[in-house]
Protein backbone atom coordinates (compact mmCIF):
# COMPACT_ATOMS: atom_id res chain seq x y z
CA MET A 1 12.71 32.51 29.08
CA THR A 2 10.41 31.97 26.08
CA ALA A 3 7.30 29.88 26.80
CA ARG A 4 7.01 26.81 24.70
CA PRO A 5 3.98 26.72 22.50
CA GLN A 6 1.29 24.34 23.70
CA ARG A 7 0.54 21.29 21.48
CA GLN A 8 -2.92 21.25 20.00
CA ARG A 9 -4.86 18.34 21.59
CA ILE A 10 -7.64 16.61 19.63
CA THR A 11 -10.31 14.20 20.78
CA ARG A 12 -9.94 10.86 19.06
CA ARG A 13 -12.93 9.02 17.92
CA PRO A 14 -13.88 5.67 16.23
CA VAL A 15 -13.52 5.93 12.49
CA HIS A 16 -13.97 2.98 10.16
CA GLY A 17 -13.06 2.72 6.49
CA VAL A 18 -10.27 2.96 3.87
CA LEU A 19 -8.79 6.18 2.61
CA LEU A 20 -6.89 6.06 -0.67
CA LEU A 21 -4.11 8.61 -0.34
CA ASP A 22 -1.89 9.85 -3.21
CA LYS A 23 1.27 10.04 -1.10
CA PRO A 24 3.46 13.00 -1.93
CA LEU A 25 7.18 12.91 -2.66
CA GLY A 26 9.50 13.12 0.40
CA LEU A 27 7.13 11.86 2.94
CA SER A 28 7.35 8.39 4.59
CA SER A 29 4.39 6.12 4.70
CA ASN A 30 4.15 6.36 8.46
CA ASP A 31 4.29 10.22 8.38
CA ALA A 32 1.53 10.27 5.87
CA LEU A 33 -0.53 7.89 7.95
CA GLN A 34 -0.11 10.03 11.10
CA LYS A 35 -1.10 13.25 9.36
CA VAL A 36 -4.28 11.68 7.93
CA LYS A 37 -5.11 10.02 11.28
CA TRP A 38 -4.75 13.52 12.94
CA LEU A 39 -6.98 15.15 10.30
CA LEU A 40 -9.77 12.48 10.81
CA ARG A 41 -9.19 12.33 14.67
CA ALA A 42 -9.11 8.58 14.26
CA GLU A 43 -8.41 6.15 17.24
CA LYS A 44 -6.98 3.29 15.22
CA ALA A 45 -5.12 3.39 11.88
CA GLY A 46 -2.63 1.57 9.83
CA HIS A 47 -1.22 1.55 6.27
CA THR A 48 -1.02 -1.45 3.88
CA GLY A 49 2.59 -1.52 2.79
CA THR A 50 5.44 0.91 2.91
CA LEU A 51 6.06 3.29 0.10
CA ASP A 52 9.49 4.91 0.08
CA PRO A 53 9.75 8.67 0.67
CA LEU A 54 11.19 8.99 -2.86
CA ALA A 55 8.05 7.37 -4.25
CA THR A 56 4.68 8.81 -4.80
CA GLY A 57 1.26 7.35 -5.47
CA LEU A 58 -1.30 5.00 -3.99
CA LEU A 59 -1.13 4.39 -0.23
CA PRO A 60 -4.30 2.84 1.17
CA LEU A 61 -4.80 3.81 4.75
CA CYS A 62 -7.00 1.64 7.04
CA PHE A 63 -9.09 2.95 9.97
CA GLY A 64 -10.89 1.09 12.76
CA ALA A 65 -12.58 -2.04 11.39
CA ALA A 66 -10.66 -1.90 8.11
CA THR A 67 -7.38 -2.54 9.82
CA LYS A 68 -8.51 -6.14 10.20
CA PHE A 69 -8.20 -6.58 6.51
CA SER A 70 -4.99 -4.64 5.87
CA GLN A 71 -3.03 -7.94 5.26
CA VAL A 72 -5.29 -8.40 2.18
CA SER A 73 -3.93 -5.27 0.59
CA LEU A 74 -0.32 -6.19 1.75
CA GLU A 75 -0.62 -9.54 -0.18
CA ALA A 76 -2.20 -7.99 -3.26
CA ASP A 77 -0.43 -7.55 -6.63
CA LYS A 78 0.93 -4.04 -7.22
CA ARG A 79 1.20 -1.66 -10.16
CA TYR A 80 3.95 0.90 -10.71
CA GLU A 81 5.21 3.42 -13.09
CA ALA A 82 9.08 3.60 -12.93
CA THR A 83 11.56 5.88 -14.59
CA LEU A 84 15.03 4.52 -15.09
CA GLN A 85 18.02 6.72 -15.93
CA LEU A 86 20.19 4.57 -18.12
CA GLY A 87 23.97 4.78 -18.12
CA VAL A 88 24.43 5.68 -14.41
CA ARG A 89 24.83 3.20 -11.54
CA THR A 90 24.43 4.46 -7.92
CA SER A 91 25.19 3.00 -4.48
CA THR A 92 21.52 2.84 -3.53
CA GLY A 93 20.01 2.02 -6.90
CA ASP A 94 18.15 5.37 -6.91
CA GLY A 95 18.90 9.11 -7.27
CA GLU A 96 19.87 9.54 -3.64
CA GLY A 97 23.07 7.42 -3.77
CA GLU A 98 26.61 8.07 -4.80
CA VAL A 99 27.38 7.76 -8.47
CA LEU A 100 29.44 4.56 -8.90
CA GLU A 101 29.75 4.36 -12.56
CA ARG A 102 28.80 6.20 -15.80
CA LEU A 103 28.58 4.25 -18.98
CA PRO A 104 27.67 5.10 -22.60
CA VAL A 105 24.08 4.29 -23.63
CA ALA A 106 23.84 2.73 -27.11
CA VAL A 107 20.84 0.41 -27.08
CA THR A 108 18.07 -0.27 -29.59
CA ARG A 109 14.24 -0.49 -28.93
CA GLU A 110 14.52 -4.27 -29.54
CA GLN A 111 17.27 -4.56 -26.91
CA VAL A 112 15.21 -2.68 -24.36
CA GLU A 113 12.14 -4.82 -25.05
CA ALA A 114 14.22 -8.08 -24.79
CA ALA A 115 15.71 -6.79 -21.48
CA CYS A 116 12.26 -6.18 -20.01
CA ALA A 117 10.97 -9.44 -21.30
CA ALA A 118 13.95 -11.27 -19.61
CA PHE A 119 12.60 -10.20 -16.14
CA THR A 120 8.94 -11.10 -16.92
CA GLY A 121 7.55 -14.05 -14.98
CA ALA A 122 8.78 -15.72 -11.87
CA ILE A 123 12.27 -14.35 -10.91
CA ASP A 124 14.57 -14.38 -7.95
CA GLN A 125 15.54 -10.96 -6.47
CA ILE A 126 18.16 -10.14 -3.85
CA PRO A 127 16.74 -7.46 -1.63
CA PRO A 128 18.74 -4.20 -1.71
CA MET A 129 20.77 -3.08 1.21
CA HIS A 130 18.97 0.19 1.18
CA SER A 131 15.60 -1.24 2.16
CA ALA A 132 13.49 -1.55 5.32
CA LEU A 133 13.93 -5.40 5.43
CA LYS A 134 14.91 -6.40 8.91
CA HIS A 135 18.08 -8.39 9.95
CA GLU A 136 18.36 -9.11 13.72
CA GLY A 137 15.77 -6.47 14.44
CA ARG A 138 17.38 -3.64 12.46
CA ALA A 139 16.49 -2.43 8.97
CA LEU A 140 19.09 -3.21 6.32
CA TYR A 141 19.47 0.54 5.47
CA ASP A 142 20.80 1.10 8.98
CA TYR A 143 23.68 -1.36 8.20
CA ALA A 144 24.12 0.18 4.78
CA ARG A 145 24.56 3.64 6.26
CA GLN A 146 27.46 2.19 8.38
CA GLY A 147 28.98 0.58 5.36
CA ILE A 148 28.07 -2.99 6.52
CA GLU A 149 27.05 -5.46 3.84
CA ILE A 150 24.65 -8.17 5.07
CA GLU A 151 24.29 -11.33 3.11
CA ARG A 152 20.73 -11.60 1.77
CA ALA A 153 18.90 -14.67 0.45
CA PRO A 154 17.17 -14.32 -2.96
CA ARG A 155 13.30 -13.98 -2.89
CA ARG A 156 11.08 -15.39 -5.50
CA VAL A 157 8.67 -12.75 -6.99
CA THR A 158 6.50 -12.56 -10.07
CA ILE A 159 6.55 -9.82 -12.72
CA HIS A 160 3.27 -10.21 -14.56
CA ALA A 161 4.09 -7.57 -17.20
CA ILE A 162 6.57 -4.71 -18.06
CA ASP A 163 5.25 -2.21 -20.67
CA ILE A 164 7.46 0.51 -22.15
CA LEU A 165 5.73 3.82 -21.71
CA GLU A 166 8.30 6.34 -22.86
CA TRP A 167 11.87 6.18 -23.99
CA SER A 168 14.05 9.15 -24.93
CA ASP A 169 17.85 9.23 -24.86
CA GLU A 170 18.83 7.91 -21.39
CA ASP A 171 15.40 7.93 -19.67
CA LEU A 172 13.18 4.88 -19.79
CA LYS A 173 9.72 4.91 -18.25
CA ILE A 174 8.04 1.56 -17.80
CA ALA A 175 4.71 0.24 -16.18
CA VAL A 176 5.21 -2.78 -14.04
CA ARG A 177 2.56 -5.27 -12.74
CA CYS A 178 3.96 -7.43 -10.04
CA SER A 179 3.52 -9.59 -6.99
CA LYS A 180 3.96 -8.33 -3.44
CA GLY A 181 7.51 -7.99 -2.18
CA THR A 182 8.98 -6.87 -5.59
CA TYR A 183 11.70 -4.38 -5.38
CA ILE A 184 11.39 -1.97 -8.40
CA ARG A 185 14.75 -0.43 -7.58
CA THR A 186 16.37 -3.87 -8.05
CA LEU A 187 14.38 -4.54 -11.20
CA GLY A 188 15.63 -1.23 -12.65
CA GLU A 189 19.27 -2.05 -11.83
CA ASP A 190 18.80 -5.60 -13.33
CA ILE A 191 17.42 -4.11 -16.56
CA GLY A 192 20.36 -1.77 -16.80
CA ARG A 193 22.80 -4.60 -16.20
CA LYS A 194 21.06 -6.68 -18.91
CA LEU A 195 21.42 -3.76 -21.34
CA GLY A 196 25.11 -3.38 -20.46
CA CYS A 197 24.90 0.32 -19.63
CA GLY A 198 23.65 0.15 -15.94
CA ALA A 199 20.65 2.10 -14.58
CA HIS A 200 19.19 3.56 -11.44
CA LEU A 201 15.60 4.39 -10.47
CA SER A 202 15.05 8.14 -10.86
CA ALA A 203 11.31 8.19 -10.12
CA LEU A 204 8.56 5.71 -8.85
CA ARG A 205 4.90 5.99 -8.64
CA ARG A 206 2.59 3.27 -7.30
CA THR A 207 -0.56 3.32 -9.53
CA GLY A 208 -2.48 0.34 -8.01
CA SER A 209 -2.84 -2.30 -5.36
CA GLY A 210 -5.22 -5.19 -5.99
CA PRO A 211 -8.57 -3.68 -7.03
CA LEU A 212 -7.63 -0.17 -5.88
CA ASP A 213 -6.32 2.49 -8.31
CA VAL A 214 -4.46 5.77 -7.73
CA ALA A 215 -7.08 7.50 -9.90
CA GLN A 216 -9.44 7.09 -6.97
CA ALA A 217 -7.01 8.60 -4.41
CA ILE A 218 -6.82 12.08 -2.87
CA SER A 219 -3.82 14.30 -2.20
CA LEU A 220 -2.83 15.22 1.48
CA ASP A 221 -3.28 18.93 0.57
CA ALA A 222 -6.84 18.42 -0.81
CA LEU A 223 -7.75 16.32 2.28
CA ALA A 224 -6.43 19.12 4.69
CA ALA A 225 -8.55 21.71 2.78
CA MET A 226 -11.77 19.85 3.40
CA THR A 227 -14.06 20.07 6.41
CA GLU A 228 -14.09 17.09 8.81
CA ALA A 229 -17.43 15.86 7.38
CA GLU A 230 -16.01 16.07 3.79
CA ARG A 231 -12.88 14.12 4.91
CA GLU A 232 -14.94 11.34 6.36
CA SER A 233 -16.96 11.23 3.03
CA MET A 234 -13.76 10.19 1.37
CA LEU A 235 -13.59 7.02 3.39
CA ARG A 236 -14.50 3.83 1.57
CA PRO A 237 -16.13 0.99 3.55
CA PRO A 238 -13.81 -1.69 4.97
CA ASP A 239 -14.77 -4.17 2.26
CA ALA A 240 -13.13 -1.93 -0.37
CA LEU A 241 -10.02 -4.04 0.33
CA LEU A 242 -12.00 -7.18 -0.43
CA ALA A 243 -13.76 -5.94 -3.55
CA ASP A 244 -12.47 -8.65 -5.88
CA TRP A 245 -13.51 -11.48 -3.48
CA PRO A 246 -16.87 -13.39 -3.87
CA ALA A 247 -19.51 -12.36 -1.45
CA LEU A 248 -22.08 -14.44 0.76
CA ARG A 249 -24.99 -13.11 2.66
CA LEU A 250 -26.50 -14.62 5.78
CA GLU A 251 -29.91 -13.89 7.07
CA GLY A 252 -31.15 -13.16 10.61
CA SER A 253 -30.00 -15.63 13.22
CA GLU A 254 -27.42 -17.18 10.89
CA ALA A 255 -25.62 -13.82 10.63
CA GLY A 256 -25.50 -13.62 14.39
CA ARG A 257 -24.19 -17.06 14.89
CA PHE A 258 -21.46 -16.46 12.33
CA LEU A 259 -20.52 -13.23 14.00
CA SER A 260 -20.03 -15.07 17.25
CA GLY A 261 -17.47 -17.32 15.53
CA LEU A 262 -19.63 -20.38 14.87
CA ARG A 263 -19.22 -22.35 11.72
CA ARG A 264 -22.31 -22.26 9.33
CA ARG A 265 -23.44 -24.80 6.82
CA VAL A 266 -23.67 -23.30 3.29
CA ASN A 267 -24.51 -24.68 -0.10
CA GLN A 268 -21.29 -23.47 -1.72
CA ALA A 269 -18.26 -25.03 -3.38
CA ASP A 270 -14.92 -24.64 -1.54
CA MET A 271 -13.56 -21.07 -1.63
CA PRO A 272 -10.36 -19.87 -0.15
CA GLN A 273 -11.59 -16.45 0.58
CA VAL A 274 -15.07 -14.78 0.75
CA ARG A 275 -16.54 -11.73 2.24
CA VAL A 276 -19.58 -12.18 4.42
CA TYR A 277 -22.56 -9.88 4.88
CA GLY A 278 -25.64 -9.83 7.11
CA PRO A 279 -29.19 -8.98 6.00
CA ASP A 280 -28.30 -5.28 5.42
CA PRO A 281 -26.09 -4.81 2.31
CA LYS A 282 -23.70 -2.53 4.32
CA ALA A 283 -23.44 -5.12 7.17
CA LEU A 284 -19.97 -6.62 6.48
CA LEU A 285 -19.55 -9.28 9.14
CA GLY A 286 -15.99 -10.37 8.24
CA SER A 287 -13.92 -12.53 5.97
CA ALA A 288 -14.04 -16.31 5.80
CA HIS A 289 -13.41 -19.44 3.61
CA VAL A 290 -15.62 -22.29 2.60
CA LYS A 291 -14.53 -25.90 3.10
CA ALA A 292 -16.55 -29.01 2.75
CA GLY A 293 -19.81 -27.07 2.90
CA GLU A 294 -18.84 -25.03 6.03
CA LEU A 295 -18.36 -21.34 6.15
CA ILE A 296 -15.41 -20.75 8.52
CA ALA A 297 -14.60 -17.25 9.81
CA ASP A 298 -11.12 -15.81 9.38
CA ARG A 299 -11.54 -12.15 10.54
CA LEU A 300 -14.63 -10.93 12.19
CA LEU A 301 -15.91 -7.40 12.99
CA SER A 302 -17.35 -6.64 16.38
CA PRO A 303 -21.13 -6.07 16.73
CA GLN A 304 -20.38 -2.46 17.42
CA GLU A 305 -18.23 -2.15 14.28
CA VAL A 306 -21.00 -3.77 12.11
CA GLU A 307 -23.57 -1.35 13.56
CA SER A 308 -21.35 1.64 12.83
CA LEU A 309 -21.26 0.54 9.15
CA ILE A 310 -25.08 0.38 8.92
CA GLN A 311 -25.70 3.59 10.86
CA PRO A 312 -22.74 5.88 10.70
CA ARG A 313 -22.44 8.37 13.54
CA PRO A 314 -23.47 11.96 12.41
CA MET A 315 -20.62 14.48 12.37
CA ALA A 316 -20.63 18.14 13.01
CA GLN A 317 -19.17 20.38 10.37
CA ALA A 318 -15.70 21.66 11.09
CA ALA A 319 -13.39 24.17 9.44
CA PRO A 320 -10.45 23.06 7.45
CA GLN A 321 -7.26 22.31 9.57
CA GLU A 322 -3.67 23.03 8.78
CA ILE A 323 -1.65 19.81 9.16
CA PRO A 324 0.90 20.18 12.06
CA SER A 325 4.56 19.56 11.10
CA SER A 326 4.48 16.52 13.41
CA ALA A 327 0.99 15.11 13.48
CA ALA A 328 2.17 12.18 15.58
CA ALA A 329 2.67 14.50 18.50
CA ALA A 330 -0.91 15.73 18.43
């Protein structure tokens, strides 16, 4: 009987920060997270919104203290580049589905611009059946695979802008700036329906989330080729997710009292969201809001987490590691 190969065990450690990953095609968001978590030997990690396996691009990954602010990135506006194949409707709205209909494409530039403009602003979208949205505890795509159609209520989303990047024959590439919860696959189908020729999403790339941009991201292969110390140098501080918020700084005992959860009097107008620091510029204490002259904590770091941001733990150099096929099992 052949002996089973032993799993490689790693020692987890506290890691704090945000890694901007350029997610590759074919990998789920959770699989990408687990592989990076394994490479960093991180104890605690989470991602900030699912990116489909058929999509590539920006996937912010949060570690340690940064996971407390992952909801900020979930709520942020997103930016995408999407390629639509005109003239072909599929059962899933993307290239994986069964072709339902082929129609001739005879549209002008003016018609394409008008179709895109028709879906700019606040619109209602019906979530696609092939999505991770839950119904009675199960993802809609589970029902879709069984041929079951679930009634879905429309959702209000906002499309801030749709710009035409390229257009040749039956391929239309657009840049989309939109609110959270927007289904680009549904948007592509709607544009195709408006044009009268149908369409499906043939490629999708997320280029931005809030203040974060894919140009700042690193690929999984590049990360795996680094030493452990180099990988940790790619981490941005937890406040990278709050970069477009106003900042307040507290001195000495005021910082300590705020960190213990006490409200503090501040000479500031009301603000719905603010990042709060201690005396050290690196000492992020947490997120808060200001109401009637009081600074009220929303999410706080622990004293240990604050200290780790001020004085990061030194790391030993380590050789590059090959990512295991199932990092989640490590």
